[in-house]
N, C-alpha and C. Protein backbone atom coordinates (compact mmCIF):
# COMPACT_ATOMS: atom_id res chain seq x y z
N MET A 1 59.28 133.49 134.55
CA MET A 1 58.97 131.99 134.51
C MET A 1 59.25 131.36 133.10
N ARG A 2 58.45 132.34 131.76
CA ARG A 2 59.02 132.12 130.63
C ARG A 2 59.86 131.69 129.93
N ASP A 3 60.98 133.34 130.52
CA ASP A 3 62.36 133.23 129.72
C ASP A 3 62.90 131.91 130.59
N ARG A 4 62.69 131.43 131.93
CA ARG A 4 63.25 130.43 132.58
C ARG A 4 63.32 129.10 131.48
N ALA A 5 62.00 129.09 131.39
CA ALA A 5 61.46 127.73 130.53
C ALA A 5 62.05 128.07 129.22
N ARG A 6 62.71 128.95 128.92
CA ARG A 6 63.05 128.85 127.24
C ARG A 6 64.66 128.98 127.54
N ILE A 7 65.38 129.36 128.24
CA ILE A 7 66.65 128.98 128.92
C ILE A 7 66.62 126.95 128.70
N SER A 8 65.54 126.85 129.45
CA SER A 8 65.72 124.92 130.14
C SER A 8 65.98 124.54 128.75
N ARG A 9 64.42 124.53 128.15
CA ARG A 9 64.73 124.16 126.75
C ARG A 9 66.33 124.46 125.78
N ARG A 10 66.64 125.48 125.51
CA ARG A 10 67.91 125.86 125.26
C ARG A 10 68.91 124.87 125.38
N LEU A 11 69.41 124.79 126.77
CA LEU A 11 70.45 123.69 127.73
C LEU A 11 70.16 122.72 127.23
N ALA A 12 68.38 122.08 127.12
CA ALA A 12 68.68 120.60 126.82
C ALA A 12 69.27 120.52 126.03
N ILE A 13 68.37 121.52 124.64
CA ILE A 13 68.92 120.95 123.34
C ILE A 13 70.68 121.04 123.01
N ALA A 14 71.13 122.35 123.62
CA ALA A 14 72.82 122.24 123.55
C ALA A 14 72.85 120.87 124.13
N LEU A 15 72.45 120.56 125.52
CA LEU A 15 73.02 118.95 125.98
C LEU A 15 73.49 118.05 125.24
N ALA A 16 71.75 118.04 124.77
CA ALA A 16 71.76 116.93 123.06
C ALA A 16 72.42 116.53 122.34
N ALA A 17 72.57 117.58 121.43
CA ALA A 17 73.61 117.75 120.27
C ALA A 17 75.02 117.48 120.73
N THR A 18 75.41 118.07 122.24
CA THR A 18 77.27 117.14 122.39
C THR A 18 76.78 116.12 122.70
N ALA A 19 75.76 115.38 123.97
CA ALA A 19 76.14 113.77 123.40
C ALA A 19 75.90 113.31 122.38
N CYS A 20 75.11 113.80 120.87
CA CYS A 20 75.21 113.12 119.74
C CYS A 20 76.80 112.82 119.25
N VAL A 21 77.36 114.36 119.40
CA VAL A 21 78.48 114.66 118.69
C VAL A 21 79.70 114.09 119.37
N THR A 22 79.75 113.55 120.92
CA THR A 22 80.19 112.71 121.66
C THR A 22 80.20 111.41 121.33
N VAL A 23 79.04 110.82 120.58
CA VAL A 23 78.87 109.54 120.30
C VAL A 23 79.36 109.11 119.17
N ALA A 24 78.96 110.18 118.53
CA ALA A 24 79.67 110.18 116.96
C ALA A 24 80.87 109.72 116.90
N HIS A 25 81.77 111.07 117.65
CA HIS A 25 82.93 110.59 117.75
C HIS A 25 83.73 109.38 118.21
N ALA A 26 82.96 109.09 119.28
CA ALA A 26 83.46 107.67 119.99
C ALA A 26 83.47 106.26 119.08
N GLN A 27 82.13 106.38 117.77
CA GLN A 27 82.00 105.28 116.91
C GLN A 27 83.24 105.90 115.81
N VAL A 28 83.81 107.07 115.68
CA VAL A 28 84.43 107.25 114.77
C VAL A 28 85.97 106.62 115.15
N GLY A 29 85.86 106.71 116.44
CA GLY A 29 87.03 106.60 116.92
C GLY A 29 87.58 104.85 117.07
N ALA A 30 86.41 104.51 117.41
CA ALA A 30 86.68 102.16 117.49
C ALA A 30 86.73 102.51 116.13
N THR A 31 86.36 102.37 115.25
CA THR A 31 86.29 102.34 114.08
C THR A 31 87.49 102.10 113.02
N GLY A 32 88.15 103.45 113.45
CA GLY A 32 89.17 103.68 113.24
C GLY A 32 90.78 103.14 113.77
N ALA A 33 90.42 102.17 114.78
CA ALA A 33 91.27 101.85 115.83
C ALA A 33 91.10 100.47 115.42
N LYS A 34 90.39 99.81 115.31
CA LYS A 34 89.92 98.65 114.41
C LYS A 34 90.46 98.21 113.62
N ALA A 35 91.80 98.25 112.97
CA ALA A 35 92.71 97.85 111.99
C ALA A 35 92.18 96.37 111.31
N GLU A 36 92.30 96.41 110.16
CA GLU A 36 91.77 94.93 109.61
C GLU A 36 93.11 94.44 109.20
N LYS A 37 92.88 93.18 110.20
CA LYS A 37 94.21 91.77 110.39
C LYS A 37 93.63 90.88 109.33
N ALA A 38 94.84 90.47 108.68
CA ALA A 38 94.64 88.83 108.03
C ALA A 38 94.59 87.99 108.87
N GLU A 39 93.27 86.60 108.84
CA GLU A 39 92.79 85.67 109.09
C GLU A 39 92.55 84.81 107.86
N VAL A 40 92.79 83.34 108.40
CA VAL A 40 92.49 82.34 107.40
C VAL A 40 90.79 81.96 106.99
N GLY A 41 90.59 82.18 106.08
CA GLY A 41 89.36 81.45 106.15
C GLY A 41 88.07 83.24 105.46
N LYS A 42 89.29 84.24 106.16
CA LYS A 42 88.17 85.41 105.58
C LYS A 42 89.07 86.10 104.77
N PRO A 43 88.32 86.85 103.85
CA PRO A 43 88.95 88.40 103.08
C PRO A 43 89.97 88.42 103.37
N ALA A 44 91.28 88.55 102.56
CA ALA A 44 92.75 89.05 102.77
C ALA A 44 92.54 90.49 102.70
N PRO A 45 92.77 91.32 103.68
CA PRO A 45 93.05 92.95 103.52
C PRO A 45 93.50 93.22 102.65
N ALA A 46 92.72 94.36 102.05
CA ALA A 46 93.13 95.01 100.74
C ALA A 46 94.49 95.81 100.87
N PHE A 47 95.58 95.84 100.08
CA PHE A 47 96.64 96.87 99.67
C PHE A 47 96.93 97.40 98.50
N THR A 48 97.59 98.54 98.57
CA THR A 48 98.33 99.14 97.56
C THR A 48 99.79 98.83 97.35
N LEU A 49 100.84 98.75 96.92
CA LEU A 49 101.77 98.87 96.74
C LEU A 49 103.03 98.57 95.83
N THR A 50 104.04 99.55 95.77
CA THR A 50 104.84 100.00 94.51
C THR A 50 105.87 99.34 94.15
N ASP A 51 105.62 98.05 93.32
CA ASP A 51 107.22 97.48 93.56
C ASP A 51 108.59 97.99 92.74
N THR A 52 109.34 97.59 92.30
CA THR A 52 110.91 97.99 92.75
C THR A 52 111.31 98.83 91.42
N GLY A 53 110.70 98.50 90.14
CA GLY A 53 110.18 99.12 88.96
C GLY A 53 109.60 100.17 88.94
N GLY A 54 108.57 100.57 90.30
CA GLY A 54 107.90 101.42 90.26
C GLY A 54 106.35 101.52 89.20
N THR A 55 106.08 100.33 89.03
CA THR A 55 104.68 99.69 89.06
C THR A 55 103.98 99.45 90.36
N THR A 56 102.69 99.82 90.36
CA THR A 56 101.56 100.06 91.67
C THR A 56 100.78 98.99 91.68
N HIS A 57 101.10 97.93 92.31
CA HIS A 57 100.04 97.06 92.44
C HIS A 57 98.91 97.12 93.47
N ASN A 58 97.78 96.76 93.34
CA ASN A 58 96.80 96.73 94.07
C ASN A 58 96.41 95.14 94.25
N LEU A 59 96.23 94.22 95.68
CA LEU A 59 94.99 93.04 95.37
C LEU A 59 94.06 93.24 94.90
N ALA A 60 93.57 94.30 94.82
CA ALA A 60 92.27 93.52 93.94
C ALA A 60 92.53 93.52 92.87
N ASP A 61 93.94 93.97 91.74
CA ASP A 61 93.52 93.70 90.84
C ASP A 61 93.85 92.10 89.99
N PHE A 62 94.33 91.36 91.48
CA PHE A 62 94.83 89.99 90.90
C PHE A 62 93.34 88.69 91.48
N LYS A 63 92.36 89.88 91.31
CA LYS A 63 90.80 89.00 91.52
C LYS A 63 90.79 87.99 90.51
N GLY A 64 90.44 87.09 90.93
CA GLY A 64 89.88 85.55 89.71
C GLY A 64 91.06 84.90 89.52
N LYS A 65 92.47 85.31 90.62
CA LYS A 65 93.37 84.41 90.27
C LYS A 65 94.21 84.34 92.01
N THR A 66 94.63 82.77 91.89
CA THR A 66 95.22 82.85 93.20
C THR A 66 96.85 83.16 93.39
N VAL A 67 96.89 84.03 94.28
CA VAL A 67 97.72 85.21 94.89
C VAL A 67 98.93 84.36 96.03
N VAL A 68 100.08 83.78 95.69
CA VAL A 68 100.95 83.87 96.43
C VAL A 68 101.99 85.28 97.29
N LEU A 69 102.34 85.79 98.46
CA LEU A 69 102.98 86.59 99.19
C LEU A 69 103.56 86.12 99.56
N GLU A 70 104.92 86.64 99.29
CA GLU A 70 106.30 85.82 100.08
C GLU A 70 106.43 87.12 100.80
N TRP A 71 106.76 87.60 102.11
CA TRP A 71 107.61 88.39 102.79
C TRP A 71 108.98 88.10 102.38
N PHE A 72 110.16 89.08 102.40
CA PHE A 72 111.66 88.85 101.36
C PHE A 72 112.19 89.82 102.58
N SER A 73 113.62 89.46 102.29
CA SER A 73 114.17 90.23 102.73
C SER A 73 115.57 89.88 102.47
N PRO A 74 116.33 90.73 101.12
CA PRO A 74 117.98 90.93 100.74
C PRO A 74 119.02 90.25 102.05
N TYR A 75 118.77 90.38 103.33
CA TYR A 75 119.67 90.58 104.20
C TYR A 75 119.56 89.48 104.84
N CYS A 76 118.26 88.59 104.80
CA CYS A 76 118.49 87.02 105.47
C CYS A 76 118.79 86.02 104.76
N PRO A 77 119.80 85.57 105.51
CA PRO A 77 120.15 84.13 105.24
C PRO A 77 119.07 83.12 105.20
N TRP A 78 117.88 83.06 105.50
CA TRP A 78 116.62 82.26 104.85
C TRP A 78 116.20 82.93 104.17
N SER A 79 116.26 83.78 103.51
CA SER A 79 115.76 84.50 102.88
C SER A 79 115.79 84.84 100.94
N GLY A 80 116.92 86.48 101.23
CA GLY A 80 117.55 86.60 100.25
C GLY A 80 118.72 86.59 99.79
N GLN A 81 119.26 86.54 101.17
CA GLN A 81 120.78 86.62 101.49
C GLN A 81 121.61 85.22 100.98
N LYS A 82 122.43 86.01 100.42
CA LYS A 82 123.36 84.10 99.63
C LYS A 82 124.08 82.95 100.92
N ALA A 83 123.39 82.15 100.92
CA ALA A 83 123.30 81.33 102.06
C ALA A 83 122.62 79.75 101.72
N ARG A 84 123.36 78.96 102.24
CA ARG A 84 122.62 77.58 102.19
C ARG A 84 121.18 77.50 102.07
N GLY A 85 120.56 78.11 103.72
CA GLY A 85 119.26 78.06 103.67
C GLY A 85 118.86 78.63 103.31
N SER A 86 119.31 79.70 102.55
CA SER A 86 118.14 80.55 101.67
C SER A 86 117.81 80.14 100.59
N VAL A 87 116.30 80.33 101.08
CA VAL A 87 114.87 79.63 99.73
C VAL A 87 114.90 80.40 98.24
N HIS A 88 115.57 81.27 98.34
CA HIS A 88 115.69 81.93 96.97
C HIS A 88 117.31 81.15 96.32
N HIS A 89 118.55 81.13 97.08
CA HIS A 89 119.95 80.58 95.86
C HIS A 89 120.38 79.44 96.19
N ASN A 90 118.86 78.42 96.93
CA ASN A 90 119.39 77.38 97.06
C ASN A 90 118.51 76.25 96.20
N GLY A 91 117.60 77.17 95.70
CA GLY A 91 116.61 76.65 94.64
C GLY A 91 114.43 76.52 94.35
N LYS A 92 115.03 76.45 95.84
CA LYS A 92 113.53 76.48 96.16
C LYS A 92 112.21 77.36 96.07
N VAL A 93 111.94 78.78 95.31
CA VAL A 93 111.67 79.41 95.49
C VAL A 93 111.23 79.34 93.77
N LYS A 94 112.04 78.97 92.85
CA LYS A 94 112.35 78.27 91.57
C LYS A 94 111.53 77.44 91.35
N SER A 95 112.25 76.36 92.17
CA SER A 95 111.55 74.78 92.10
C SER A 95 109.57 74.96 92.58
N ALA A 96 109.19 75.73 93.58
CA ALA A 96 107.62 75.96 93.90
C ALA A 96 107.56 76.71 92.87
N VAL A 97 107.45 77.55 92.55
CA VAL A 97 106.74 78.45 91.10
C VAL A 97 106.58 77.51 89.97
N GLU A 98 108.02 76.79 89.53
CA GLU A 98 107.34 76.26 88.39
C GLU A 98 106.31 75.39 88.54
N LYS A 99 106.53 74.39 89.99
CA LYS A 99 105.11 73.37 90.28
C LYS A 99 104.15 73.79 90.60
N MET A 100 103.91 75.26 91.18
CA MET A 100 102.69 75.88 90.88
C MET A 100 102.11 76.36 89.47
N LYS A 101 102.69 76.92 88.93
CA LYS A 101 102.50 77.24 87.03
C LYS A 101 102.04 76.05 86.77
N ALA A 102 102.47 74.54 86.45
CA ALA A 102 102.13 73.59 86.14
C ALA A 102 100.75 73.12 86.74
N VAL A 103 99.82 73.40 87.66
CA VAL A 103 98.80 73.36 88.11
C VAL A 103 97.98 74.51 88.03
N ASP A 104 98.26 75.43 88.03
CA ASP A 104 97.94 77.21 87.91
C ASP A 104 98.23 78.13 87.02
N PRO A 105 98.12 77.78 85.73
CA PRO A 105 99.62 78.81 84.80
C PRO A 105 99.03 80.30 85.71
N ASN A 106 98.18 80.37 86.13
CA ASN A 106 97.63 81.58 86.32
C ASN A 106 98.04 82.20 87.59
N VAL A 107 98.46 81.49 88.53
CA VAL A 107 98.76 81.66 89.61
C VAL A 107 99.72 82.79 89.26
N VAL A 108 99.83 83.96 90.78
CA VAL A 108 100.65 85.24 91.05
C VAL A 108 101.52 84.93 92.08
N TYR A 109 102.67 85.31 92.00
CA TYR A 109 103.50 84.74 93.24
C TYR A 109 104.36 86.59 92.97
N VAL A 110 104.31 86.77 94.26
CA VAL A 110 105.03 88.36 94.97
C VAL A 110 105.80 88.53 95.90
N LEU A 111 106.59 88.72 95.72
CA LEU A 111 107.46 89.43 97.01
C LEU A 111 107.43 90.43 97.65
N VAL A 112 107.15 90.51 99.06
CA VAL A 112 106.52 91.75 99.83
C VAL A 112 108.00 91.74 100.68
N ASN A 113 108.80 93.20 100.55
CA ASN A 113 109.50 93.91 101.52
C ASN A 113 109.18 94.89 102.10
N SER A 114 109.37 94.32 103.49
CA SER A 114 108.97 95.10 104.68
C SER A 114 109.90 95.27 105.67
N THR A 115 111.43 95.61 104.66
CA THR A 115 112.51 95.73 105.40
C THR A 115 112.53 97.20 105.84
N HIS A 116 113.13 97.47 107.07
CA HIS A 116 113.63 98.87 106.95
C HIS A 116 114.83 99.47 107.53
N LEU A 117 115.55 98.76 108.40
CA LEU A 117 116.76 98.47 109.23
C LEU A 117 118.09 100.16 109.00
N GLY A 118 117.08 101.02 108.60
CA GLY A 118 117.17 102.18 108.54
C GLY A 118 118.09 102.69 107.81
N LYS A 119 117.91 101.92 106.75
CA LYS A 119 118.10 101.85 105.16
C LYS A 119 117.35 103.21 104.70
N PRO A 120 117.96 103.82 102.95
CA PRO A 120 116.85 104.15 102.33
C PRO A 120 116.86 102.97 101.25
N GLU A 121 115.23 103.67 101.30
CA GLU A 121 114.16 102.71 100.39
C GLU A 121 115.16 102.17 99.05
N LYS A 122 115.69 103.02 98.46
CA LYS A 122 116.13 102.92 97.33
C LYS A 122 116.74 101.93 97.28
N GLU A 123 118.32 102.08 98.12
CA GLU A 123 119.62 100.80 98.95
C GLU A 123 118.39 99.64 99.26
N ILE A 124 117.76 99.08 100.16
CA ILE A 124 116.75 98.22 100.20
C ILE A 124 116.33 97.23 98.49
N ALA A 125 115.67 98.31 97.62
CA ALA A 125 114.91 98.15 96.79
C ALA A 125 116.24 97.46 95.25
N ARG A 126 116.90 98.39 95.86
CA ARG A 126 118.10 98.04 94.60
C ARG A 126 118.54 96.41 95.13
N ASP A 127 118.95 96.20 96.59
CA ASP A 127 119.49 94.80 96.35
C ASP A 127 118.81 94.05 96.79
N SER A 128 117.55 93.77 96.63
CA SER A 128 116.40 93.16 96.81
C SER A 128 116.53 92.54 94.84
N ASP A 129 116.00 93.47 94.42
CA ASP A 129 116.73 93.22 92.50
C ASP A 129 117.55 92.67 91.77
N ALA A 130 119.11 92.79 92.86
CA ALA A 130 120.17 92.37 92.86
C ALA A 130 120.01 90.59 93.45
N VAL A 131 119.05 90.19 94.16
CA VAL A 131 118.83 89.01 94.33
C VAL A 131 118.06 88.72 93.19
N LEU A 132 117.17 89.01 92.83
CA LEU A 132 116.37 88.48 91.57
C LEU A 132 117.57 87.99 90.97
N GLU A 133 118.27 88.99 90.30
CA GLU A 133 119.22 89.08 89.25
C GLU A 133 119.94 87.68 89.24
N THR A 134 120.66 87.71 90.40
CA THR A 134 121.56 86.32 90.60
C THR A 134 121.03 85.11 90.47
N THR A 135 119.66 84.95 90.92
CA THR A 135 119.11 83.51 91.40
C THR A 135 118.35 84.06 89.91
N GLY A 136 117.99 84.18 89.22
CA GLY A 136 116.77 84.17 87.55
C GLY A 136 115.39 83.96 87.64
N VAL A 137 114.99 83.97 88.78
CA VAL A 137 113.50 84.02 89.20
C VAL A 137 112.91 85.37 89.68
N LYS A 138 112.33 85.81 87.90
CA LYS A 138 111.51 86.89 87.67
C LYS A 138 110.12 87.35 88.35
N LEU A 139 110.21 87.75 89.77
CA LEU A 139 108.88 88.18 89.97
C LEU A 139 108.78 89.25 90.88
N PRO A 140 107.87 90.23 90.77
CA PRO A 140 107.61 91.29 91.46
C PRO A 140 108.15 91.43 92.87
N ILE A 141 108.60 92.38 93.34
CA ILE A 141 109.19 92.95 94.99
C ILE A 141 108.48 94.42 95.02
N LEU A 142 106.96 93.86 95.97
CA LEU A 142 106.37 95.13 96.29
C LEU A 142 106.99 95.81 97.53
N MET A 143 107.75 96.82 97.85
CA MET A 143 108.03 97.40 98.62
C MET A 143 106.84 97.97 99.63
N ASP A 144 107.39 97.70 100.70
CA ASP A 144 106.18 98.52 102.43
C ASP A 144 107.55 98.67 103.39
N TYR A 145 107.98 100.10 102.78
CA TYR A 145 108.66 100.51 103.56
C TYR A 145 108.35 101.02 104.95
N ASP A 146 107.51 101.48 105.25
CA ASP A 146 106.95 102.04 106.24
C ASP A 146 106.17 100.49 107.62
N GLY A 147 106.23 99.89 106.67
CA GLY A 147 105.87 98.44 107.19
C GLY A 147 103.85 97.70 107.25
N THR A 148 103.27 98.89 106.55
CA THR A 148 102.26 98.86 107.24
C THR A 148 101.23 97.75 106.92
N VAL A 149 101.63 97.33 105.64
CA VAL A 149 101.23 95.84 104.93
C VAL A 149 101.59 94.36 105.85
N GLY A 150 102.63 94.49 106.47
CA GLY A 150 103.19 93.65 106.63
C GLY A 150 102.51 93.26 107.93
N LYS A 151 102.52 94.61 108.76
CA LYS A 151 101.50 94.13 110.26
C LYS A 151 100.32 94.14 109.98
N MET A 152 99.68 94.59 109.06
CA MET A 152 98.46 94.25 108.86
C MET A 152 98.26 92.68 108.35
N TYR A 153 98.94 91.96 108.03
CA TYR A 153 99.79 90.69 107.46
C TYR A 153 99.78 90.27 108.80
N GLY A 154 100.03 90.25 109.62
CA GLY A 154 100.95 90.01 110.65
C GLY A 154 102.54 88.96 110.41
N ALA A 155 103.00 89.91 109.32
CA ALA A 155 103.96 89.34 108.71
C ALA A 155 105.19 89.06 110.19
N ARG A 156 106.17 87.87 110.38
CA ARG A 156 107.03 88.28 111.41
C ARG A 156 107.95 87.57 111.47
N VAL A 157 108.26 86.58 109.81
CA VAL A 157 109.72 86.86 109.35
C VAL A 157 109.87 86.14 107.93
N THR A 158 110.93 86.18 107.29
CA THR A 158 111.05 86.32 106.07
C THR A 158 111.91 84.99 105.52
N PRO A 159 111.47 83.92 105.45
CA PRO A 159 109.84 84.16 104.26
C PRO A 159 108.69 83.19 105.34
N HIS A 160 108.03 84.40 105.61
CA HIS A 160 106.53 84.31 105.85
C HIS A 160 105.15 84.09 104.40
N VAL A 161 104.71 82.98 103.91
CA VAL A 161 104.12 83.03 102.92
C VAL A 161 102.70 82.94 103.17
N TYR A 162 101.73 83.68 102.45
CA TYR A 162 100.45 83.59 102.30
C TYR A 162 99.98 83.27 101.31
N VAL A 163 98.60 82.48 101.28
CA VAL A 163 98.37 82.17 99.63
C VAL A 163 96.53 82.72 99.70
N ILE A 164 96.51 82.92 98.84
CA ILE A 164 94.96 83.57 98.91
C ILE A 164 94.31 83.00 97.43
N ASP A 165 93.42 82.87 97.56
CA ASP A 165 92.48 81.99 97.07
C ASP A 165 91.52 82.84 95.22
N ARG A 166 91.52 82.39 94.51
CA ARG A 166 90.64 83.19 93.64
C ARG A 166 89.49 84.38 94.22
N GLU A 167 88.80 83.96 95.28
CA GLU A 167 88.04 85.01 95.63
C GLU A 167 88.13 85.67 96.79
N GLY A 168 89.37 85.74 96.96
CA GLY A 168 90.30 87.26 97.88
C GLY A 168 90.18 86.43 98.94
N VAL A 169 89.99 84.91 99.12
CA VAL A 169 89.66 84.49 100.77
C VAL A 169 91.08 84.38 100.95
N LEU A 170 91.63 84.30 102.16
CA LEU A 170 93.28 83.84 102.32
C LEU A 170 92.60 82.56 102.84
N ARG A 171 93.69 81.43 102.66
CA ARG A 171 93.13 79.88 103.17
C ARG A 171 94.59 79.80 103.43
N TYR A 172 95.97 79.88 103.54
CA TYR A 172 97.19 79.33 104.16
C TYR A 172 98.17 80.80 104.55
N GLN A 173 98.76 80.26 105.68
CA GLN A 173 99.59 81.49 105.98
C GLN A 173 100.81 80.76 106.62
N GLY A 174 101.82 80.83 106.93
CA GLY A 174 102.69 79.81 107.53
C GLY A 174 104.44 80.18 106.51
N ALA A 175 104.59 78.80 106.91
CA ALA A 175 106.00 78.38 106.86
C ALA A 175 106.17 78.36 105.25
N PHE A 176 107.37 78.73 104.69
CA PHE A 176 107.59 77.95 103.04
C PHE A 176 107.22 76.87 102.71
N ASP A 177 107.89 75.85 103.74
CA ASP A 177 107.65 74.22 103.66
C ASP A 177 108.32 73.52 105.16
N SER A 178 108.52 72.83 105.41
CA SER A 178 108.57 71.90 106.97
C SER A 178 110.17 71.64 107.01
N ASP A 179 111.06 71.91 106.00
CA ASP A 179 112.19 71.40 106.13
C ASP A 179 113.24 72.70 106.02
N ARG A 180 113.36 73.64 106.98
CA ARG A 180 114.10 74.68 106.79
C ARG A 180 116.08 73.91 106.41
N ASN A 181 115.86 73.30 106.71
CA ASN A 181 117.14 72.85 106.55
C ASN A 181 117.66 72.10 105.49
N GLY A 182 116.88 71.48 104.79
CA GLY A 182 117.03 71.22 103.84
C GLY A 182 116.02 70.88 102.63
N THR A 183 115.70 69.81 101.24
CA THR A 183 114.88 70.64 100.24
C THR A 183 114.12 69.20 100.15
N ASP A 184 113.75 68.28 100.85
CA ASP A 184 112.87 67.22 100.96
C ASP A 184 111.95 67.42 101.35
N GLY A 185 111.65 68.73 102.85
CA GLY A 185 110.20 69.05 102.98
C GLY A 185 109.19 68.85 102.43
N THR A 186 108.02 69.31 103.30
CA THR A 186 106.83 69.12 102.98
C THR A 186 106.37 70.44 102.17
N ASN A 187 105.98 71.04 100.85
CA ASN A 187 105.71 72.35 100.82
C ASN A 187 104.38 72.99 100.91
N TYR A 188 104.21 73.81 101.96
CA TYR A 188 102.86 73.69 102.10
C TYR A 188 102.07 74.60 101.19
N VAL A 189 103.15 75.87 100.61
CA VAL A 189 102.49 76.74 99.86
C VAL A 189 102.46 76.18 98.30
N VAL A 190 103.01 75.66 97.87
CA VAL A 190 102.79 74.20 96.96
C VAL A 190 101.38 73.43 96.67
N GLU A 191 100.91 72.99 97.92
CA GLU A 191 99.82 71.96 98.29
C GLU A 191 98.87 73.12 98.48
N ALA A 192 98.78 74.16 99.40
CA ALA A 192 97.60 75.28 99.09
C ALA A 192 96.97 75.58 97.79
N VAL A 193 98.40 75.76 96.82
CA VAL A 193 98.16 76.16 95.43
C VAL A 193 97.04 75.28 94.93
N ALA A 194 97.87 73.93 94.80
CA ALA A 194 96.73 72.88 94.38
C ALA A 194 95.95 72.71 94.72
N ALA A 195 95.96 72.36 95.84
CA ALA A 195 94.27 72.49 96.62
C ALA A 195 93.33 73.31 95.88
N ILE A 196 93.61 74.46 95.87
CA ILE A 196 92.88 75.89 95.56
C ILE A 196 92.49 75.31 94.23
N ALA A 197 93.29 75.21 92.80
CA ALA A 197 93.32 75.02 91.57
C ALA A 197 92.43 73.39 91.84
N LYS A 198 91.78 72.75 92.24
CA LYS A 198 90.99 71.90 92.37
C LYS A 198 89.95 72.27 92.29
N GLY A 199 89.83 73.08 93.60
CA GLY A 199 88.49 73.73 93.84
C GLY A 199 88.20 73.34 95.36
N GLU A 200 89.13 72.74 96.39
CA GLU A 200 89.28 72.55 97.34
C GLU A 200 90.07 73.57 98.39
N THR A 201 89.97 73.28 99.55
CA THR A 201 90.53 73.73 100.80
C THR A 201 91.11 73.02 101.16
N PRO A 202 92.70 73.83 100.78
CA PRO A 202 93.53 73.63 101.93
C PRO A 202 93.66 72.23 102.90
N ALA A 203 94.36 71.64 103.10
CA ALA A 203 94.45 70.51 104.04
C ALA A 203 95.19 71.43 105.24
N THR A 204 96.14 71.96 105.12
CA THR A 204 96.81 72.67 105.64
C THR A 204 96.67 74.07 105.97
N ALA A 205 96.09 74.43 107.01
CA ALA A 205 95.84 75.95 106.52
C ALA A 205 97.28 77.32 107.38
N ASN A 206 97.26 76.39 108.64
CA ASN A 206 98.45 77.37 109.29
C ASN A 206 99.47 76.32 109.93
N THR A 207 100.52 77.65 109.69
CA THR A 207 101.57 76.35 110.32
C THR A 207 102.67 77.30 110.86
N ARG A 208 103.37 77.23 111.22
CA ARG A 208 104.85 78.34 112.66
C ARG A 208 105.44 78.46 111.44
N PRO A 209 105.33 79.87 110.89
CA PRO A 209 106.85 80.07 110.17
C PRO A 209 108.27 80.05 110.46
N TRP A 210 109.12 79.95 109.96
CA TRP A 210 110.83 80.17 110.24
C TRP A 210 111.40 81.15 109.29
N GLY A 211 112.79 81.35 109.73
CA GLY A 211 113.36 82.20 109.23
C GLY A 211 113.63 83.68 109.96
N CYS A 212 114.07 84.78 109.50
CA CYS A 212 114.40 86.13 109.72
C CYS A 212 113.36 87.01 110.37
N GLY A 213 113.51 87.32 111.78
CA GLY A 213 112.41 88.49 111.67
C GLY A 213 112.70 89.39 111.31
N VAL A 214 111.28 90.00 110.79
CA VAL A 214 110.91 91.32 109.58
C VAL A 214 111.83 92.35 110.27
N LYS A 215 112.49 93.04 109.64
CA LYS A 215 113.36 94.17 110.51
C LYS A 215 111.99 95.70 110.18
N TYR A 216 110.96 96.10 110.96
CA TYR A 216 109.91 96.62 110.63
C TYR A 216 110.69 98.20 111.35
N LYS A 217 110.07 99.19 110.67
CA LYS A 217 110.50 100.68 110.98
C LYS A 217 110.11 101.13 112.53
N ARG A 218 110.60 101.50 113.06
CA ARG A 218 110.65 101.71 114.42
C ARG A 218 110.35 103.25 115.09
């Protein structure tokens, strides 16, 4: 009888330990599966990326400054490819940066390139740098070759733009402006930066982005 009691106690302890391990694994799995996603009104997801010059950038490095992230591709006629609608070649980006600097000299504007297309990363980086050499706008291009950051932010097209305030909260996401075919549209990005500079919440927080689909790694 005593032997049976001891065996029963040991079995109960073993089953309890197994249950604890199972619960622990379930919790870890659930936590790991829930990827942080960008959402207006909430802290922007943290990231670390290296630019085409080899410098590493952490989003946290820019805390205290308004940050603009523009998803970019040198192969898209709405983004970096030389074309009438290119926001880089038609002067939209240069004009926007100048207007932002006028209301907030400390604003940070960076390009994020999640393009893959099966091309070597060095080739994409080289082609990206060539765009800025042609347009004369000096901006860091952060390489997101595996697409992790782009997917975390939900970047769908180039250009898809995000504005993060000085406290690290995402305040705007969407289109570069309201006129994809001209230069007279409302620039939501400039408006968002100006509002933040005044300590206000941007009037427009979400718009539908237009451009070329981001060519993520498959």
